[in-house]
Amino acid sequence: IYAFPFLVWFIFSGLRKFRWNLWKPVLIILIVAFFMNLGYYSRNFNLYGYPHAKLNYLTNGITLPLFISNIVRNITLHLGTPSKSVNHVMYKIIRLIHKILGVAINDSRITAYGDFSINFSLHEDSTGNFVHLIFIMVSVIIFFIARQKIRRRDIIYYLVALVSVFFILCFLIKWTPWNSRYHLPLLVLFCPFITIVFSRISNHRIPNLIAVFLIMSSFRWVFSNDSRPLIKDFKASKTENVFNTTRIEQYFRNWPALKDAYM
């Protein structure tokens, strides 16, 4: 899913540059990719009988309204705020959108587990990336407004590939409360695009201030996340954190019932 749009871009650009000699770099890529994943393939083959694990989250009979629903709900995973009233207002807006689409908000064809809701979370499985989403949207707007300063065509292709990855995810994968984890590679891949856009700003203090803001905004998740906190509660005299919890216990923080079988 993540590689497909980039592979399409690579093939079309490669045909212009290498013509029919493109098979050489393609062969190298295939060989490298195969051996990097060989352990993964072999373990799956031993367990399932084929190289890839069975996917239980694939959408079923998706239509345009269902596709739009999946796009909206996946974006909304990153909009949770500490304010319950704000989250409730956004939830009502999403319900209204689904009413207009004529789609149930938890349609089984595009929903694997859980009921749709908008929450603020510090847990690694369900936390959103609100700040990152805002910077992505702002950078895209700036890119098209100040496009003359950023004329390289490959940047446009890169952006198209990134957006295509997100659309493919929404088209193929059912919604779950922890789908934000699937978005993490995409958020990382957006970083070069955001950096290029903001580096074109004439006032160099702005990118520096953004960097400081991003570091400061991460503190709550770094120090007080639900799974492996550095300091769970600043006010408490003694709480569990990564310094006073064994490594084995940290492995199974989210699934303690599996610890005994592992041991």
Protein backbone atom coordinates (compact mmCIF):
# COMPACT_ATOMS: atom_id res chain seq x y z
CA ILE A 1 0.00 0.00 0.00
CA TYR A 2 2.70 2.50 0.96
CA ALA A 3 5.08 1.59 -1.85
CA PHE A 4 2.65 1.19 -4.77
CA PRO A 5 2.23 4.89 -5.77
CA PHE A 6 5.98 5.43 -5.50
CA LEU A 7 6.66 2.35 -7.63
CA VAL A 8 4.29 3.68 -10.31
CA TRP A 9 6.14 7.01 -10.22
CA PHE A 10 9.50 5.21 -10.34
CA ILE A 11 8.50 3.09 -13.36
CA PHE A 12 7.17 6.00 -15.44
CA SER A 13 10.13 8.25 -14.64
CA GLY A 14 12.51 5.31 -15.15
CA LEU A 15 11.11 4.54 -18.58
CA ARG A 16 11.88 8.09 -19.68
CA LYS A 17 15.43 7.88 -18.36
CA PHE A 18 16.46 4.25 -18.92
CA ARG A 19 13.99 3.11 -21.59
CA TRP A 20 14.03 -0.70 -21.79
CA ASN A 21 17.13 -0.89 -19.57
CA LEU A 22 14.80 -0.17 -16.66
CA TRP A 23 14.69 -3.90 -15.87
CA LYS A 24 18.17 -3.65 -14.31
CA PRO A 25 17.34 -1.27 -11.41
CA VAL A 26 13.92 -2.96 -11.04
CA LEU A 27 15.62 -6.35 -10.64
CA ILE A 28 18.00 -4.93 -8.01
CA ILE A 29 15.08 -3.44 -6.06
CA LEU A 30 13.15 -6.73 -6.17
CA ILE A 31 16.16 -8.73 -4.98
CA VAL A 32 16.92 -6.32 -2.11
CA ALA A 33 13.24 -6.18 -1.05
CA PHE A 34 12.94 -9.98 -1.17
CA PHE A 35 15.97 -10.63 1.04
CA MET A 36 15.05 -7.85 3.49
CA ASN A 37 11.66 -9.55 4.02
CA LEU A 38 12.79 -13.16 3.72
CA GLY A 39 12.55 -13.82 7.47
CA TYR A 40 9.06 -12.31 7.55
CA TYR A 41 7.96 -14.40 4.55
CA SER A 42 9.36 -17.65 5.96
CA ARG A 43 7.70 -17.19 9.37
CA ASN A 44 4.35 -16.47 7.73
CA PHE A 45 4.77 -19.47 5.44
CA ASN A 46 5.41 -21.74 8.43
CA LEU A 47 2.33 -20.41 10.23
CA TYR A 48 -0.19 -19.75 7.44
CA GLY A 49 1.10 -21.75 4.47
CA TYR A 50 1.76 -18.66 2.33
CA PRO A 51 4.20 -15.71 2.55
CA HIS A 52 1.73 -13.06 3.72
CA ALA A 53 -0.44 -13.13 6.81
CA LYS A 54 -4.18 -13.28 6.23
CA LEU A 55 -5.75 -9.81 6.14
CA ASN A 56 -9.00 -9.64 8.10
CA TYR A 57 -9.42 -5.89 7.73
CA LEU A 58 -10.10 -5.59 4.00
CA THR A 59 -13.17 -3.55 3.04
CA ASN A 60 -16.13 -5.34 1.50
CA GLY A 61 -18.13 -4.01 -1.46
CA ILE A 62 -16.99 -0.43 -1.03
CA THR A 63 -18.93 2.35 -2.80
CA LEU A 64 -18.20 6.07 -3.19
CA PRO A 65 -20.21 7.05 -0.04
CA LEU A 66 -18.44 4.30 1.93
CA PHE A 67 -15.08 5.46 0.58
CA ILE A 68 -15.81 9.05 1.64
CA SER A 69 -16.90 7.78 5.06
CA ASN A 70 -13.59 5.96 5.52
CA ILE A 71 -11.63 9.08 4.48
CA VAL A 72 -13.53 11.29 6.94
CA ARG A 73 -13.29 8.84 9.83
CA ASN A 74 -9.57 8.19 9.30
CA ILE A 75 -8.84 11.92 9.31
CA THR A 76 -10.99 12.35 12.42
CA LEU A 77 -8.75 9.93 14.33
CA HIS A 78 -6.27 12.82 14.55
CA LEU A 79 -8.74 15.49 15.66
CA GLY A 80 -9.31 14.43 19.28
CA THR A 81 -8.77 17.25 21.79
CA PRO A 82 -8.59 17.34 25.62
CA SER A 83 -11.97 19.15 25.51
CA LYS A 84 -14.90 16.69 25.60
CA SER A 85 -17.32 19.39 24.45
CA VAL A 86 -15.22 20.14 21.35
CA ASN A 87 -14.97 16.41 20.60
CA HIS A 88 -18.75 16.07 20.99
CA VAL A 89 -19.37 18.91 18.51
CA MET A 90 -17.04 17.28 15.97
CA TYR A 91 -18.75 13.93 16.50
CA LYS A 92 -22.14 15.50 15.72
CA ILE A 93 -20.67 17.03 12.54
CA ILE A 94 -19.35 13.62 11.43
CA ARG A 95 -22.75 12.03 12.13
CA LEU A 96 -24.40 14.74 10.01
CA ILE A 97 -21.96 14.03 7.15
CA HIS A 98 -22.85 10.33 7.31
CA LYS A 99 -26.55 11.16 7.33
CA ILE A 100 -26.06 13.15 4.13
CA LEU A 101 -24.03 10.28 2.62
CA GLY A 102 -26.71 7.78 3.61
CA VAL A 103 -24.14 5.58 5.33
CA ALA A 104 -24.19 4.11 8.85
CA ILE A 105 -21.30 5.54 10.84
CA ASN A 106 -20.25 1.98 11.86
CA ASP A 107 -21.09 0.20 8.61
CA SER A 108 -19.72 -3.34 8.88
CA ARG A 109 -18.42 -3.23 5.29
CA ILE A 110 -15.82 -0.60 6.27
CA THR A 111 -15.58 -1.09 10.06
CA ALA A 112 -13.60 -3.95 11.63
CA TYR A 113 -13.90 -3.28 15.37
CA GLY A 114 -15.25 -0.70 17.77
CA ASP A 115 -17.77 2.11 17.56
CA PHE A 116 -16.75 5.41 16.02
CA SER A 117 -15.96 8.13 18.54
CA ILE A 118 -13.68 11.14 18.89
CA ASN A 119 -11.42 11.02 21.93
CA PHE A 120 -8.16 12.42 23.22
CA SER A 121 -5.71 9.63 23.98
CA LEU A 122 -2.20 9.21 25.35
CA HIS A 123 -2.15 5.51 24.49
CA GLU A 124 0.20 4.40 21.69
CA ASP A 125 -2.51 2.28 20.01
CA SER A 126 -5.12 5.01 19.64
CA THR A 127 -3.45 8.40 19.96
CA GLY A 128 -3.83 10.86 17.11
CA ASN A 129 -1.42 13.30 15.48
CA PHE A 130 -3.33 16.57 15.53
CA VAL A 131 -0.31 18.86 15.26
CA HIS A 132 1.15 16.87 12.36
CA LEU A 133 -2.17 16.91 10.52
CA ILE A 134 -2.39 20.70 10.84
CA PHE A 135 1.17 21.15 9.52
CA ILE A 136 0.44 18.86 6.58
CA MET A 137 -2.67 20.87 5.65
CA VAL A 138 -0.90 24.22 6.10
CA SER A 139 2.11 23.10 4.05
CA VAL A 140 -0.12 21.91 1.19
CA ILE A 141 -1.93 25.29 1.16
CA ILE A 142 1.36 27.22 1.23
CA PHE A 143 2.74 24.99 -1.53
CA PHE A 144 -0.06 25.85 -3.96
CA ILE A 145 -0.12 29.54 -2.98
CA ALA A 146 3.66 30.00 -3.31
CA ARG A 147 4.11 27.46 -6.08
CA GLN A 148 6.35 29.74 -8.15
CA LYS A 149 9.02 29.52 -5.45
CA ILE A 150 8.86 25.71 -5.48
CA ARG A 151 8.87 24.83 -9.17
CA ARG A 152 10.31 21.33 -9.06
CA ARG A 153 7.86 18.94 -10.68
CA ASP A 154 9.03 15.98 -8.60
CA ILE A 155 7.70 17.69 -5.44
CA ILE A 156 4.21 17.68 -6.98
CA TYR A 157 4.63 14.00 -7.90
CA TYR A 158 5.77 13.27 -4.35
CA LEU A 159 2.68 14.98 -2.92
CA VAL A 160 0.40 13.07 -5.32
CA ALA A 161 2.04 9.79 -4.25
CA LEU A 162 1.50 10.60 -0.55
CA VAL A 163 -2.17 11.49 -1.04
CA SER A 164 -2.60 8.33 -3.14
CA VAL A 165 -1.23 6.20 -0.29
CA PHE A 166 -3.85 7.65 2.07
CA PHE A 167 -6.66 7.06 -0.43
CA ILE A 168 -5.55 3.46 -1.00
CA LEU A 169 -5.52 2.87 2.77
CA CYS A 170 -9.06 4.25 3.06
CA PHE A 171 -10.22 2.21 0.05
CA LEU A 172 -8.77 -1.14 1.14
CA ILE A 173 -8.53 -1.17 4.95
CA LYS A 174 -11.51 -1.14 7.30
CA TRP A 175 -11.72 1.52 10.01
CA THR A 176 -10.67 0.66 13.56
CA PRO A 177 -10.01 2.89 16.60
CA TRP A 178 -6.27 2.20 16.17
CA ASN A 179 -5.97 2.96 12.44
CA SER A 180 -3.82 5.98 13.30
CA ARG A 181 -0.92 3.51 13.61
CA TYR A 182 -1.31 2.75 9.89
CA HIS A 183 -0.93 6.48 9.22
CA LEU A 184 2.44 6.76 10.98
CA PRO A 185 4.60 5.82 7.93
CA LEU A 186 2.61 8.34 5.89
CA LEU A 187 3.16 11.09 8.48
CA VAL A 188 6.90 10.36 8.41
CA LEU A 189 6.93 10.45 4.58
CA PHE A 190 5.24 13.87 4.69
CA CYS A 191 8.17 15.35 6.65
CA PRO A 192 10.40 16.04 3.58
CA PHE A 193 7.50 17.79 1.84
CA ILE A 194 6.73 19.96 4.89
CA THR A 195 10.44 20.76 5.31
CA ILE A 196 10.84 21.86 1.68
CA VAL A 197 7.76 24.09 1.87
CA PHE A 198 8.71 25.81 5.12
CA SER A 199 12.36 26.15 4.10
CA ARG A 200 11.20 28.46 1.31
CA ILE A 201 9.82 30.95 3.83
CA SER A 202 12.00 34.07 3.74
CA ASN A 203 11.77 34.62 7.50
CA HIS A 204 13.98 31.83 8.87
CA ARG A 205 12.77 32.39 12.42
CA ILE A 206 9.44 30.80 11.55
CA PRO A 207 10.85 27.28 10.82
CA ASN A 208 12.96 27.53 13.99
CA LEU A 209 9.91 28.45 16.07
CA ILE A 210 7.98 25.57 14.49
CA ALA A 211 10.74 23.13 15.45
CA VAL A 212 10.69 24.35 19.07
CA PHE A 213 6.89 24.11 19.15
CA LEU A 214 6.94 20.54 17.81
CA ILE A 215 9.45 19.45 20.45
CA MET A 216 7.44 21.07 23.27
CA SER A 217 4.14 19.63 22.01
CA SER A 218 5.58 16.11 22.30
CA PHE A 219 6.38 16.36 26.03
CA ARG A 220 3.04 15.07 27.31
CA TRP A 221 3.25 11.91 25.17
CA VAL A 222 6.93 11.35 25.95
CA PHE A 223 6.64 11.78 29.72
CA SER A 224 3.08 10.63 30.47
CA ASN A 225 1.96 8.21 27.79
CA ASP A 226 -0.22 5.36 29.02
CA SER A 227 1.99 2.45 27.94
CA ARG A 228 5.61 3.30 28.77
CA PRO A 229 5.80 6.67 30.54
CA LEU A 230 9.01 8.33 31.63
CA ILE A 231 7.10 10.06 34.42
CA LYS A 232 3.46 9.04 34.69
CA ASP A 233 2.36 11.75 37.11
CA PHE A 234 4.50 14.67 38.18
CA LYS A 235 2.47 15.12 41.38
CA ALA A 236 2.58 11.50 42.53
CA SER A 237 5.41 10.44 44.84
CA LYS A 238 5.79 6.98 43.28
CA THR A 239 4.27 5.69 40.05
CA GLU A 240 5.21 3.03 37.53
CA ASN A 241 7.46 4.23 34.73
CA VAL A 242 10.19 2.87 32.46
CA PHE A 243 12.81 3.32 35.19
CA ASN A 244 11.14 1.22 37.89
CA THR A 245 9.45 -1.40 35.66
CA THR A 246 11.22 -4.47 34.30
CA ARG A 247 11.74 -4.85 30.57
CA ILE A 248 9.54 -7.97 30.42
CA GLU A 249 6.66 -6.13 32.08
CA GLN A 250 7.08 -3.26 29.63
CA TYR A 251 6.88 -5.72 26.71
CA PHE A 252 3.42 -6.78 27.84
CA ARG A 253 2.14 -3.51 29.24
CA ASN A 254 -0.81 -3.55 26.81
CA TRP A 255 -1.32 -7.34 26.90
CA PRO A 256 -0.35 -8.58 30.40
CA ALA A 257 -2.26 -11.87 29.88
CA LEU A 258 0.40 -12.93 27.33
CA LYS A 259 3.30 -12.57 29.75
CA ASP A 260 3.05 -16.03 31.34
CA ALA A 261 2.92 -17.81 27.99
CA TYR A 262 5.96 -15.83 26.82
CA MET A 263 7.92 -16.71 29.96
